[in-house]
Amino acid sequence: MYRKSGIRKMKHTNRAQSEKTKFRRSSKWLRFRKSMKAEQKFDPVTGSRLAPTCNVHHLDLREENYKNIDRRERFVCLNTQTHEVVHFLHQAHRGWRKAVLELIKILRNMDKFSKD
């Protein structure tokens, strides 16, 4: 039974990913992406200029809202590495808040030890 439910979930995930890919190829999404990039210009985490390959990241991760691009405040442009870090931290095993606090500690120690 576990195996069947896992297969069912995998099929749903594959279908959902396929739908997302199809949507990201649509003219509606491509126009939205272009307008977001023109408006934002910089990666909010790194402060660096957005690359041509930047991602328009959905802040609302619910599948049922994936195609809803009516509310621009639910999106942010991120360069590729920033986008990967955001997803990595969000999915952290002990929760993203703890992961971010640990990251801050590490960065502070890097500053501290680099000044010695």
PDB file of N, CA and C in Angstrom:
ATOM      1  N   MET A   1       0.822  -1.191   0.000  1.00  0.00           N
ATOM      2  CA  MET A   1       0.000   0.000   0.000  1.00  0.00           C
ATOM      3  C   MET A   1       0.871   1.263   0.000  1.00  0.00           C
ATOM      4  N   TYR A   2       1.912   1.253   0.820  1.00  0.00           N
ATOM      5  CA  TYR A   2       2.817   2.403   0.855  1.00  0.00           C
ATOM      6  C   TYR A   2       3.380   2.675  -0.530  1.00  0.00           C
ATOM      7  N   ARG A   3       3.761   1.603  -1.189  1.00  0.00           N
ATOM      8  CA  ARG A   3       4.376   1.737  -2.500  1.00  0.00           C
ATOM      9  C   ARG A   3       3.399   2.350  -3.505  1.00  0.00           C
ATOM     10  N   LYS A   4       2.153   1.886  -3.466  1.00  0.00           N
ATOM     11  CA  LYS A   4       1.163   2.434  -4.398  1.00  0.00           C
ATOM     12  C   LYS A   4       0.950   3.924  -4.158  1.00  0.00           C
ATOM     13  N   SER A   5       0.837   4.318  -2.889  1.00  0.00           N
ATOM     14  CA  SER A   5       0.618   5.739  -2.614  1.00  0.00           C
ATOM     15  C   SER A   5       1.829   6.556  -3.047  1.00  0.00           C
ATOM     16  N   GLY A   6       3.027   5.997  -2.879  1.00  0.00           N
ATOM     17  CA  GLY A   6       4.230   6.678  -3.344  1.00  0.00           C
ATOM     18  C   GLY A   6       4.229   6.850  -4.844  1.00  0.00           C
ATOM     19  N   ILE A   7       3.797   5.822  -5.560  1.00  0.00           N
ATOM     20  CA  ILE A   7       3.724   5.902  -7.020  1.00  0.00           C
ATOM     21  C   ILE A   7       2.679   6.923  -7.431  1.00  0.00           C
ATOM     22  N   ARG A   8       1.530   6.908  -6.755  1.00  0.00           N
ATOM     23  CA  ARG A   8       0.477   7.866  -7.063  1.00  0.00           C
ATOM     24  C   ARG A   8       0.989   9.292  -6.855  1.00  0.00           C
ATOM     25  N   LYS A   9       1.678   9.514  -5.750  1.00  0.00           N
ATOM     26  CA  LYS A   9       2.210  10.847  -5.470  1.00  0.00           C
ATOM     27  C   LYS A   9       3.238  11.244  -6.516  1.00  0.00           C
ATOM     28  N   MET A  10       4.088  10.300  -6.917  1.00  0.00           N
ATOM     29  CA  MET A  10       5.099  10.581  -7.921  1.00  0.00           C
ATOM     30  C   MET A  10       4.440  10.955  -9.251  1.00  0.00           C
ATOM     31  N   LYS A  11       3.387  10.234  -9.637  1.00  0.00           N
ATOM     32  CA  LYS A  11       2.687  10.560 -10.882  1.00  0.00           C
ATOM     33  C   LYS A  11       2.078  11.949 -10.800  1.00  0.00           C
ATOM     34  N   HIS A  12       1.501  12.283  -9.618  1.00  0.00           N
ATOM     35  CA  HIS A  12       0.924  13.611  -9.429  1.00  0.00           C
ATOM     36  C   HIS A  12       2.014  14.675  -9.533  1.00  0.00           C
ATOM     37  N   THR A  13       3.155  14.437  -8.889  1.00  0.00           N
ATOM     38  CA  THR A  13       4.266  15.385  -8.918  1.00  0.00           C
ATOM     39  C   THR A  13       4.776  15.573 -10.342  1.00  0.00           C
ATOM     40  N   ASN A  14       4.935  14.471 -11.075  1.00  0.00           N
ATOM     41  CA  ASN A  14       5.389  14.574 -12.464  1.00  0.00           C
ATOM     42  C   ASN A  14       4.394  15.346 -13.311  1.00  0.00           C
ATOM     43  N   ARG A  15       3.111  15.089 -13.102  1.00  0.00           N
ATOM     44  CA  ARG A  15       2.072  15.793 -13.860  1.00  0.00           C
ATOM     45  C   ARG A  15       2.095  17.274 -13.492  1.00  0.00           C
ATOM     46  N   ALA A  16       2.239  17.575 -12.203  1.00  0.00           N
ATOM     47  CA  ALA A  16       2.278  18.964 -11.756  1.00  0.00           C
ATOM     48  C   ALA A  16       3.493  19.680 -12.346  1.00  0.00           C
ATOM     49  N   GLN A  17       4.648  19.030 -12.328  1.00  0.00           N
ATOM     50  CA  GLN A  17       5.858  19.621 -12.913  1.00  0.00           C
ATOM     51  C   GLN A  17       5.679  19.865 -14.404  1.00  0.00           C
ATOM     52  N   SER A  18       5.067  18.919 -15.065  1.00  0.00           N
ATOM     53  CA  SER A  18       4.814  19.052 -16.503  1.00  0.00           C
ATOM     54  C   SER A  18       3.915  20.255 -16.785  1.00  0.00           C
ATOM     55  N   GLU A  19       2.897  20.434 -15.946  1.00  0.00           N
ATOM     56  CA  GLU A  19       1.992  21.586 -16.100  1.00  0.00           C
ATOM     57  C   GLU A  19       2.733  22.900 -15.845  1.00  0.00           C
ATOM     58  N   LYS A  20       3.598  22.898 -14.842  1.00  0.00           N
ATOM     59  CA  LYS A  20       4.377  24.103 -14.539  1.00  0.00           C
ATOM     60  C   LYS A  20       5.307  24.445 -15.702  1.00  0.00           C
ATOM     61  N   THR A  21       5.962  23.438 -16.253  1.00  0.00           N
ATOM     62  CA  THR A  21       6.865  23.650 -17.387  1.00  0.00           C
ATOM     63  C   THR A  21       6.100  24.216 -18.570  1.00  0.00           C
ATOM     64  N   LYS A  22       4.952  23.653 -18.828  1.00  0.00           N
ATOM     65  CA  LYS A  22       4.113  24.123 -19.931  1.00  0.00           C
ATOM     66  C   LYS A  22       3.718  25.592 -19.705  1.00  0.00           C
ATOM     67  N   PHE A  23       3.325  25.925 -18.484  1.00  0.00           N
ATOM     68  CA  PHE A  23       2.943  27.297 -18.168  1.00  0.00           C
ATOM     69  C   PHE A  23       4.119  28.255 -18.353  1.00  0.00           C
ATOM     70  N   ARG A  24       5.322  27.838 -17.916  1.00  0.00           N
ATOM     71  CA  ARG A  24       6.494  28.715 -18.045  1.00  0.00           C
ATOM     72  C   ARG A  24       6.897  28.956 -19.498  1.00  0.00           C
ATOM     73  N   ARG A  25       6.390  28.154 -20.399  1.00  0.00           N
ATOM     74  CA  ARG A  25       6.647  28.368 -21.831  1.00  0.00           C
ATOM     75  C   ARG A  25       5.570  29.220 -22.493  1.00  0.00           C
ATOM     76  N   SER A  26       4.525  29.537 -21.767  1.00  0.00           N
ATOM     77  CA  SER A  26       3.405  30.293 -22.338  1.00  0.00           C
ATOM     78  C   SER A  26       3.787  31.756 -22.556  1.00  0.00           C
ATOM     79  N   SER A  27       3.134  32.395 -23.512  1.00  0.00           N
ATOM     80  CA  SER A  27       3.411  33.810 -23.779  1.00  0.00           C
ATOM     81  C   SER A  27       3.005  34.668 -22.582  1.00  0.00           C
ATOM     82  N   LYS A  28       1.965  34.260 -21.868  1.00  0.00           N
ATOM     83  CA  LYS A  28       1.513  35.000 -20.678  1.00  0.00           C
ATOM     84  C   LYS A  28       2.648  35.061 -19.644  1.00  0.00           C
ATOM     85  N   TRP A  29       3.268  33.898 -19.353  1.00  0.00           N
ATOM     86  CA  TRP A  29       4.363  33.859 -18.375  1.00  0.00           C
ATOM     87  C   TRP A  29       5.588  34.607 -18.889  1.00  0.00           C
ATOM     88  N   LEU A  30       5.930  34.413 -20.160  1.00  0.00           N
ATOM     89  CA  LEU A  30       7.125  35.058 -20.713  1.00  0.00           C
ATOM     90  C   LEU A  30       6.993  36.579 -20.672  1.00  0.00           C
ATOM     91  N   ARG A  31       5.807  37.113 -20.940  1.00  0.00           N
ATOM     92  CA  ARG A  31       5.580  38.567 -20.837  1.00  0.00           C
ATOM     93  C   ARG A  31       5.695  39.028 -19.377  1.00  0.00           C
ATOM     94  N   PHE A  32       5.108  38.245 -18.482  1.00  0.00           N
ATOM     95  CA  PHE A  32       5.165  38.572 -17.054  1.00  0.00           C
ATOM     96  C   PHE A  32       6.607  38.572 -16.567  1.00  0.00           C
ATOM     97  N   ARG A  33       7.362  37.542 -16.930  1.00  0.00           N
ATOM     98  CA  ARG A  33       8.765  37.413 -16.534  1.00  0.00           C
ATOM     99  C   ARG A  33       9.575  38.619 -17.027  1.00  0.00           C
ATOM    100  N   LYS A  34       9.359  38.987 -18.271  1.00  0.00           N
ATOM    101  CA  LYS A  34      10.080  40.120 -18.858  1.00  0.00           C
ATOM    102  C   LYS A  34       9.749  41.423 -18.116  1.00  0.00           C
ATOM    103  N   SER A  35       8.492  41.610 -17.784  1.00  0.00           N
ATOM    104  CA  SER A  35       8.103  42.838 -17.073  1.00  0.00           C
ATOM    105  C   SER A  35       8.651  42.856 -15.653  1.00  0.00           C
ATOM    106  N   MET A  36       8.690  41.702 -14.985  1.00  0.00           N
ATOM    107  CA  MET A  36       9.264  41.629 -13.637  1.00  0.00           C
ATOM    108  C   MET A  36      10.749  41.985 -13.666  1.00  0.00           C
ATOM    109  N   LYS A  37      11.469  41.424 -14.632  1.00  0.00           N
ATOM    110  CA  LYS A  37      12.904  41.707 -14.755  1.00  0.00           C
ATOM    111  C   LYS A  37      13.157  43.179 -15.056  1.00  0.00           C
ATOM    112  N   ALA A  38      12.327  43.778 -15.902  1.00  0.00           N
ATOM    113  CA  ALA A  38      12.494  45.187 -16.260  1.00  0.00           C
ATOM    114  C   ALA A  38      12.240  46.077 -15.049  1.00  0.00           C
ATOM    115  N   GLU A  39      11.345  45.662 -14.196  1.00  0.00           N
ATOM    116  CA  GLU A  39      10.980  46.442 -13.016  1.00  0.00           C
ATOM    117  C   GLU A  39      11.990  46.305 -11.882  1.00  0.00           C
ATOM    118  N   GLN A  40      12.529  45.105 -11.675  1.00  0.00           N
ATOM    119  CA  GLN A  40      13.343  44.853 -10.485  1.00  0.00           C
ATOM    120  C   GLN A  40      14.830  45.174 -10.654  1.00  0.00           C
ATOM    121  N   LYS A  41      15.457  44.710 -11.676  1.00  0.00           N
ATOM    122  CA  LYS A  41      16.865  44.991 -12.027  1.00  0.00           C
ATOM    123  C   LYS A  41      17.941  44.317 -11.157  1.00  0.00           C
ATOM    124  N   PHE A  42      17.745  44.212  -9.814  1.00  0.00           N
ATOM    125  CA  PHE A  42      18.787  43.672  -8.936  1.00  0.00           C
ATOM    126  C   PHE A  42      18.274  42.504  -8.092  1.00  0.00           C
ATOM    127  N   ASP A  43      19.176  41.577  -7.796  1.00  0.00           N
ATOM    128  CA  ASP A  43      18.880  40.459  -6.902  1.00  0.00           C
ATOM    129  C   ASP A  43      18.819  41.032  -5.482  1.00  0.00           C
ATOM    130  N   PRO A  44      17.697  40.858  -4.772  1.00  0.00           N
ATOM    131  CA  PRO A  44      17.558  41.475  -3.456  1.00  0.00           C
ATOM    132  C   PRO A  44      18.486  40.892  -2.384  1.00  0.00           C
ATOM    133  N   VAL A  45      18.976  39.686  -2.576  1.00  0.00           N
ATOM    134  CA  VAL A  45      19.855  39.055  -1.586  1.00  0.00           C
ATOM    135  C   VAL A  45      21.300  39.485  -1.779  1.00  0.00           C
ATOM    136  N   THR A  46      21.772  39.453  -3.015  1.00  0.00           N
ATOM    137  CA  THR A  46      23.186  39.747  -3.283  1.00  0.00           C
ATOM    138  C   THR A  46      23.426  41.195  -3.689  1.00  0.00           C
ATOM    139  N   GLY A  47      22.392  41.865  -4.151  1.00  0.00           N
ATOM    140  CA  GLY A  47      22.548  43.234  -4.630  1.00  0.00           C
ATOM    141  C   GLY A  47      23.151  43.322  -6.022  1.00  0.00           C
ATOM    142  N   SER A  48      23.437  42.181  -6.623  1.00  0.00           N
ATOM    143  CA  SER A  48      24.030  42.195  -7.964  1.00  0.00           C
ATOM    144  C   SER A  48      22.943  42.311  -9.036  1.00  0.00           C
ATOM    145  N   ARG A  49      23.357  42.818 -10.182  1.00  0.00           N
ATOM    146  CA  ARG A  49      22.428  42.983 -11.305  1.00  0.00           C
ATOM    147  C   ARG A  49      21.840  41.628 -11.681  1.00  0.00           C
ATOM    148  N   LEU A  50      20.568  41.619 -12.022  1.00  0.00           N
ATOM    149  CA  LEU A  50      19.929  40.369 -12.437  1.00  0.00           C
ATOM    150  C   LEU A  50      20.519  39.880 -13.747  1.00  0.00           C
ATOM    151  N   ALA A  51      20.833  38.619 -13.788  1.00  0.00           N
ATOM    152  CA  ALA A  51      21.364  37.991 -15.001  1.00  0.00           C
ATOM    153  C   ALA A  51      20.209  37.736 -15.979  1.00  0.00           C
ATOM    154  N   PRO A  52      20.519  37.632 -17.262  1.00  0.00           N
ATOM    155  CA  PRO A  52      19.459  37.312 -18.239  1.00  0.00           C
ATOM    156  C   PRO A  52      18.748  35.993 -17.915  1.00  0.00           C
ATOM    157  N   THR A  53      19.426  35.118 -17.196  1.00  0.00           N
ATOM    158  CA  THR A  53      18.860  33.810 -16.862  1.00  0.00           C
ATOM    159  C   THR A  53      18.228  33.767 -15.471  1.00  0.00           C
ATOM    160  N   CYS A  54      17.968  34.940 -14.888  1.00  0.00           N
ATOM    161  CA  CYS A  54      17.413  34.958 -13.528  1.00  0.00           C
ATOM    162  C   CYS A  54      16.059  34.254 -13.476  1.00  0.00           C
ATOM    163  N   ASN A  55      15.672  33.873 -12.261  1.00  0.00           N
ATOM    164  CA  ASN A  55      14.399  33.192 -12.035  1.00  0.00           C
ATOM    165  C   ASN A  55      13.389  34.166 -11.458  1.00  0.00           C
ATOM    166  N   VAL A  56      12.143  34.044 -11.886  1.00  0.00           N
ATOM    167  CA  VAL A  56      11.053  34.758 -11.234  1.00  0.00           C
ATOM    168  C   VAL A  56      10.481  33.755 -10.249  1.00  0.00           C
ATOM    169  N   HIS A  57      10.791  33.965  -8.977  1.00  0.00           N
ATOM    170  CA  HIS A  57      10.465  33.009  -7.920  1.00  0.00           C
ATOM    171  C   HIS A  57       9.063  33.258  -7.375  1.00  0.00           C
ATOM    172  N   HIS A  58       8.290  32.180  -7.279  1.00  0.00           N
ATOM    173  CA  HIS A  58       6.960  32.236  -6.677  1.00  0.00           C
ATOM    174  C   HIS A  58       7.113  32.255  -5.151  1.00  0.00           C
ATOM    175  N   LEU A  59       6.580  33.259  -4.503  1.00  0.00           N
ATOM    176  CA  LEU A  59       6.604  33.298  -3.045  1.00  0.00           C
ATOM    177  C   LEU A  59       5.458  32.469  -2.464  1.00  0.00           C
ATOM    178  N   ASP A  60       4.422  32.280  -3.238  1.00  0.00           N
ATOM    179  CA  ASP A  60       3.292  31.416  -2.868  1.00  0.00           C
ATOM    180  C   ASP A  60       3.553  30.053  -3.506  1.00  0.00           C
ATOM    181  N   LEU A  61       3.919  29.082  -2.695  1.00  0.00           N
ATOM    182  CA  LEU A  61       4.332  27.776  -3.213  1.00  0.00           C
ATOM    183  C   LEU A  61       3.177  26.793  -3.417  1.00  0.00           C
ATOM    184  N   ARG A  62       1.951  27.229  -3.174  1.00  0.00           N
ATOM    185  CA  ARG A  62       0.804  26.335  -3.365  1.00  0.00           C
ATOM    186  C   ARG A  62       0.559  26.106  -4.852  1.00  0.00           C
ATOM    187  N   GLU A  63       0.456  24.836  -5.218  1.00  0.00           N
ATOM    188  CA  GLU A  63       0.293  24.481  -6.636  1.00  0.00           C
ATOM    189  C   GLU A  63      -0.906  25.155  -7.270  1.00  0.00           C
ATOM    190  N   GLU A  64      -2.005  25.270  -6.517  1.00  0.00           N
ATOM    191  CA  GLU A  64      -3.225  25.839  -7.094  1.00  0.00           C
ATOM    192  C   GLU A  64      -3.061  27.318  -7.464  1.00  0.00           C
ATOM    193  N   ASN A  65      -2.021  27.970  -6.942  1.00  0.00           N
ATOM    194  CA  ASN A  65      -1.780  29.385  -7.259  1.00  0.00           C
ATOM    195  C   ASN A  65      -0.627  29.599  -8.224  1.00  0.00           C
ATOM    196  N   TYR A  66      -0.049  28.515  -8.734  1.00  0.00           N
ATOM    197  CA  TYR A  66       1.149  28.624  -9.563  1.00  0.00           C
ATOM    198  C   TYR A  66       0.940  29.510 -10.791  1.00  0.00           C
ATOM    199  N   LYS A  67      -0.216  29.400 -11.415  1.00  0.00           N
ATOM    200  CA  LYS A  67      -0.475  30.149 -12.651  1.00  0.00           C
ATOM    201  C   LYS A  67      -1.076  31.528 -12.396  1.00  0.00           C
ATOM    202  N   ASN A  68      -1.320  31.863 -11.142  1.00  0.00           N
ATOM    203  CA  ASN A  68      -1.920  33.148 -10.803  1.00  0.00           C
ATOM    204  C   ASN A  68      -0.833  34.210 -10.723  1.00  0.00           C
ATOM    205  N   ILE A  69      -0.750  35.023 -11.748  1.00  0.00           N
ATOM    206  CA  ILE A  69       0.292  36.060 -11.794  1.00  0.00           C
ATOM    207  C   ILE A  69      -0.311  37.460 -11.654  1.00  0.00           C
ATOM    208  N   ASP A  70      -1.511  37.520 -11.089  1.00  0.00           N
ATOM    209  CA  ASP A  70      -2.199  38.802 -10.929  1.00  0.00           C
ATOM    210  C   ASP A  70      -1.603  39.669  -9.831  1.00  0.00           C
ATOM    211  N   ARG A  71      -0.955  39.067  -8.859  1.00  0.00           N
ATOM    212  CA  ARG A  71      -0.409  39.824  -7.730  1.00  0.00           C
ATOM    213  C   ARG A  71       1.118  39.767  -7.760  1.00  0.00           C
ATOM    214  N   ARG A  72       1.704  40.826  -8.267  1.00  0.00           N
ATOM    215  CA  ARG A  72       3.157  40.889  -8.461  1.00  0.00           C
ATOM    216  C   ARG A  72       3.936  40.748  -7.148  1.00  0.00           C
ATOM    217  N   GLU A  73       3.327  41.149  -6.036  1.00  0.00           N
ATOM    218  CA  GLU A  73       4.037  41.061  -4.754  1.00  0.00           C
ATOM    219  C   GLU A  73       4.260  39.618  -4.319  1.00  0.00           C
ATOM    220  N   ARG A  74       3.687  38.670  -5.031  1.00  0.00           N
ATOM    221  CA  ARG A  74       3.882  37.245  -4.722  1.00  0.00           C
ATOM    222  C   ARG A  74       5.052  36.642  -5.512  1.00  0.00           C
ATOM    223  N   PHE A  75       5.830  37.501  -6.155  1.00  0.00           N
ATOM    224  CA  PHE A  75       6.962  37.059  -6.973  1.00  0.00           C
ATOM    225  C   PHE A  75       8.175  37.929  -6.693  1.00  0.00           C
ATOM    226  N   VAL A  76       9.346  37.347  -6.888  1.00  0.00           N
ATOM    227  CA  VAL A  76      10.582  38.106  -6.756  1.00  0.00           C
ATOM    228  C   VAL A  76      11.588  37.517  -7.749  1.00  0.00           C
ATOM    229  N   CYS A  77      12.350  38.390  -8.382  1.00  0.00           N
ATOM    230  CA  CYS A  77      13.399  37.934  -9.296  1.00  0.00           C
ATOM    231  C   CYS A  77      14.652  37.619  -8.490  1.00  0.00           C
ATOM    232  N   LEU A  78      15.236  36.453  -8.763  1.00  0.00           N
ATOM    233  CA  LEU A  78      16.451  36.016  -8.086  1.00  0.00           C
ATOM    234  C   LEU A  78      17.416  35.440  -9.111  1.00  0.00           C
ATOM    235  N   ASN A  79      18.691  35.741  -8.948  1.00  0.00           N
ATOM    236  CA  ASN A  79      19.682  35.075  -9.789  1.00  0.00           C
ATOM    237  C   ASN A  79      19.713  33.591  -9.434  1.00  0.00           C
ATOM    238  N   THR A  80      20.247  32.798 -10.324  1.00  0.00           N
ATOM    239  CA  THR A  80      20.181  31.338 -10.194  1.00  0.00           C
ATOM    240  C   THR A  80      20.699  30.822  -8.865  1.00  0.00           C
ATOM    241  N   GLN A  81      21.878  31.242  -8.456  1.00  0.00           N
ATOM    242  CA  GLN A  81      22.433  30.742  -7.192  1.00  0.00           C
ATOM    243  C   GLN A  81      21.591  31.161  -5.998  1.00  0.00           C
ATOM    244  N   THR A  82      21.102  32.391  -6.002  1.00  0.00           N
ATOM    245  CA  THR A  82      20.242  32.852  -4.912  1.00  0.00           C
ATOM    246  C   THR A  82      18.974  32.006  -4.865  1.00  0.00           C
ATOM    247  N   HIS A  83      18.402  31.758  -6.026  1.00  0.00           N
ATOM    248  CA  HIS A  83      17.180  30.945  -6.114  1.00  0.00           C
ATOM    249  C   HIS A  83      17.415  29.558  -5.525  1.00  0.00           C
ATOM    250  N   GLU A  84      18.549  28.957  -5.848  1.00  0.00           N
ATOM    251  CA  GLU A  84      18.875  27.628  -5.316  1.00  0.00           C
ATOM    252  C   GLU A  84      19.042  27.675  -3.803  1.00  0.00           C
ATOM    253  N   VAL A  85      19.708  28.711  -3.289  1.00  0.00           N
ATOM    254  CA  VAL A  85      19.909  28.844  -1.844  1.00  0.00           C
ATOM    255  C   VAL A  85      18.565  29.033  -1.135  1.00  0.00           C
ATOM    256  N   VAL A  86      17.706  29.859  -1.695  1.00  0.00           N
ATOM    257  CA  VAL A  86      16.388  30.093  -1.091  1.00  0.00           C
ATOM    258  C   VAL A  86      15.619  28.784  -0.969  1.00  0.00           C
ATOM    259  N   HIS A  87      15.599  27.993  -2.038  1.00  0.00           N
ATOM    260  CA  HIS A  87      14.898  26.699  -1.978  1.00  0.00           C
ATOM    261  C   HIS A  87      15.583  25.742  -1.006  1.00  0.00           C
ATOM    262  N   PHE A  88      16.895  25.724  -1.014  1.00  0.00           N
ATOM    263  CA  PHE A  88      17.649  24.848  -0.118  1.00  0.00           C
ATOM    264  C   PHE A  88      17.343  25.175   1.343  1.00  0.00           C
ATOM    265  N   LEU A  89      17.382  26.461   1.696  1.00  0.00           N
ATOM    266  CA  LEU A  89      17.105  26.864   3.067  1.00  0.00           C
ATOM    267  C   LEU A  89      15.650  26.610   3.453  1.00  0.00           C
ATOM    268  N   HIS A  90      14.747  26.869   2.521  1.00  0.00           N
ATOM    269  CA  HIS A  90      13.320  26.662   2.803  1.00  0.00           C
ATOM    270  C   HIS A  90      13.026  25.200   3.109  1.00  0.00           C
ATOM    271  N   GLN A  91      13.770  24.301   2.494  1.00  0.00           N
ATOM    272  CA  GLN A  91      13.542  22.872   2.670  1.00  0.00           C
ATOM    273  C   GLN A  91      14.460  22.261   3.728  1.00  0.00           C
ATOM    274  N   ALA A  92      15.147  23.105   4.485  1.00  0.00           N
ATOM    275  CA  ALA A  92      16.100  22.607   5.487  1.00  0.00           C
ATOM    276  C   ALA A  92      15.416  21.645   6.449  1.00  0.00           C
ATOM    277  N   HIS A  93      16.139  20.632   6.833  1.00  0.00           N
ATOM    278  CA  HIS A  93      15.616  19.553   7.674  1.00  0.00           C
ATOM    279  C   HIS A  93      15.007  20.060   8.987  1.00  0.00           C
ATOM    280  N   ARG A  94      15.686  20.969   9.660  1.00  0.00           N
ATOM    281  CA  ARG A  94      15.195  21.460  10.952  1.00  0.00           C
ATOM    282  C   ARG A  94      14.426  22.771  10.812  1.00  0.00           C
ATOM    283  N   GLY A  95      14.069  23.137   9.626  1.00  0.00           N
ATOM    284  CA  GLY A  95      13.328  24.372   9.414  1.00  0.00           C
ATOM    285  C   GLY A  95      14.212  25.501   8.928  1.00  0.00           C
ATOM    286  N   TRP A  96      13.669  26.339   8.059  1.00  0.00           N
ATOM    287  CA  TRP A  96      14.465  27.392   7.442  1.00  0.00           C
ATOM    288  C   TRP A  96      14.906  28.453   8.448  1.00  0.00           C
ATOM    289  N   ARG A  97      14.107  28.717   9.462  1.00  0.00           N
ATOM    290  CA  ARG A  97      14.487  29.752  10.433  1.00  0.00           C
ATOM    291  C   ARG A  97      15.779  29.362  11.160  1.00  0.00           C
ATOM    292  N   LYS A  98      15.855  28.118  11.601  1.00  0.00           N
ATOM    293  CA  LYS A  98      17.067  27.638  12.285  1.00  0.00           C
ATOM    294  C   LYS A  98      18.246  27.652  11.318  1.00  0.00           C
ATOM    295  N   ALA A  99      18.006  27.236  10.071  1.00  0.00           N
ATOM    296  CA  ALA A  99      19.078  27.215   9.076  1.00  0.00           C
ATOM    297  C   ALA A  99      19.627  28.620   8.834  1.00  0.00           C
ATOM    298  N   VAL A 100      18.758  29.615   8.753  1.00  0.00           N
ATOM    299  CA  VAL A 100      19.199  30.994   8.523  1.00  0.00           C
ATOM    300  C   VAL A 100      19.982  31.507   9.732  1.00  0.00           C
ATOM    301  N   LEU A 101      19.530  31.193  10.937  1.00  0.00           N
ATOM    302  CA  LEU A 101      20.263  31.619  12.138  1.00  0.00           C
ATOM    303  C   LEU A 101      21.649  30.984  12.185  1.00  0.00           C
ATOM    304  N   GLU A 102      21.743  29.724  11.802  1.00  0.00           N
ATOM    305  CA  GLU A 102      23.048  29.058  11.760  1.00  0.00           C
ATOM    306  C   GLU A 102      23.938  29.682  10.699  1.00  0.00           C
ATOM    307  N   LEU A 103      23.353  30.026   9.574  1.00  0.00           N
ATOM    308  CA  LEU A 103      24.106  30.681   8.509  1.00  0.00           C
ATOM    309  C   LEU A 103      24.656  32.024   8.985  1.00  0.00           C
ATOM    310  N   ILE A 104      23.861  32.776   9.713  1.00  0.00           N
ATOM    311  CA  ILE A 104      24.309  34.058  10.256  1.00  0.00           C
ATOM    312  C   ILE A 104      25.502  33.852  11.195  1.00  0.00           C
ATOM    313  N   LYS A 105      25.411  32.838  12.044  1.00  0.00           N
ATOM    314  CA  LYS A 105      26.534  32.539  12.952  1.00  0.00           C
ATOM    315  C   LYS A 105      27.802  32.238  12.165  1.00  0.00           C
ATOM    316  N   ILE A 106      27.675  31.426  11.149  1.00  0.00           N
ATOM    317  CA  ILE A 106      28.843  31.067  10.327  1.00  0.00           C
ATOM    318  C   ILE A 106      29.436  32.299   9.657  1.00  0.00           C
ATOM    319  N   LEU A 107      28.595  33.150   9.092  1.00  0.00           N
ATOM    320  CA  LEU A 107      29.081  34.353   8.413  1.00  0.00           C
ATOM    321  C   LEU A 107      29.744  35.317   9.400  1.00  0.00           C
ATOM    322  N   ARG A 108      29.155  35.448  10.577  1.00  0.00           N
ATOM    323  CA  ARG A 108      29.773  36.303  11.599  1.00  0.00           C
ATOM    324  C   ARG A 108      31.151  35.772  11.995  1.00  0.00           C
ATOM    325  N   ASN A 109      31.248  34.462  12.164  1.00  0.00           N
ATOM    326  CA  ASN A 109      32.545  33.869  12.503  1.00  0.00           C
ATOM    327  C   ASN A 109      33.545  34.033  11.369  1.00  0.00           C
ATOM    328  N   MET A 110      33.087  33.947  10.141  1.00  0.00           N
ATOM    329  CA  MET A 110      33.982  34.187   9.006  1.00  0.00           C
ATOM    330  C   MET A 110      34.556  35.598   9.090  1.00  0.00           C
ATOM    331  N   ASP A 111      33.678  36.581   9.372  1.00  0.00           N
ATOM    332  CA  ASP A 111      34.146  37.963   9.537  1.00  0.00           C
ATOM    333  C   ASP A 111      35.126  38.072  10.692  1.00  0.00           C
ATOM    334  N   LYS A 112      34.770  37.495  11.809  1.00  0.00           N
ATOM    335  CA  LYS A 112      35.587  37.564  13.018  1.00  0.00           C
ATOM    336  C   LYS A 112      36.972  36.973  12.793  1.00  0.00           C
ATOM    337  N   PHE A 113      37.020  35.769  12.269  1.00  0.00           N
ATOM    338  CA  PHE A 113      38.306  35.088  12.095  1.00  0.00           C
ATOM    339  C   PHE A 113      39.128  35.659  10.942  1.00  0.00           C
ATOM    340  N   SER A 114      38.469  36.307  10.019  1.00  0.00           N
ATOM    341  CA  SER A 114      39.191  36.907   8.895  1.00  0.00           C
ATOM    342  C   SER A 114      39.873  38.200   9.303  1.00  0.00           C
ATOM    343  N   LYS A 115      39.477  38.765  10.423  1.00  0.00           N
ATOM    344  CA  LYS A 115      40.070  40.016  10.902  1.00  0.00           C
ATOM    345  C   LYS A 115      41.297  39.771  11.783  1.00  0.00           C
ATOM    346  N   ASP A 116      41.489  38.537  12.202  1.00  0.00           N
ATOM    347  CA  ASP A 116      42.638  38.208  13.084  1.00  0.00           C
ATOM    348  C   ASP A 116      43.958  38.458  12.401  1.00  0.00           C
TER     349      ASP A 116
END
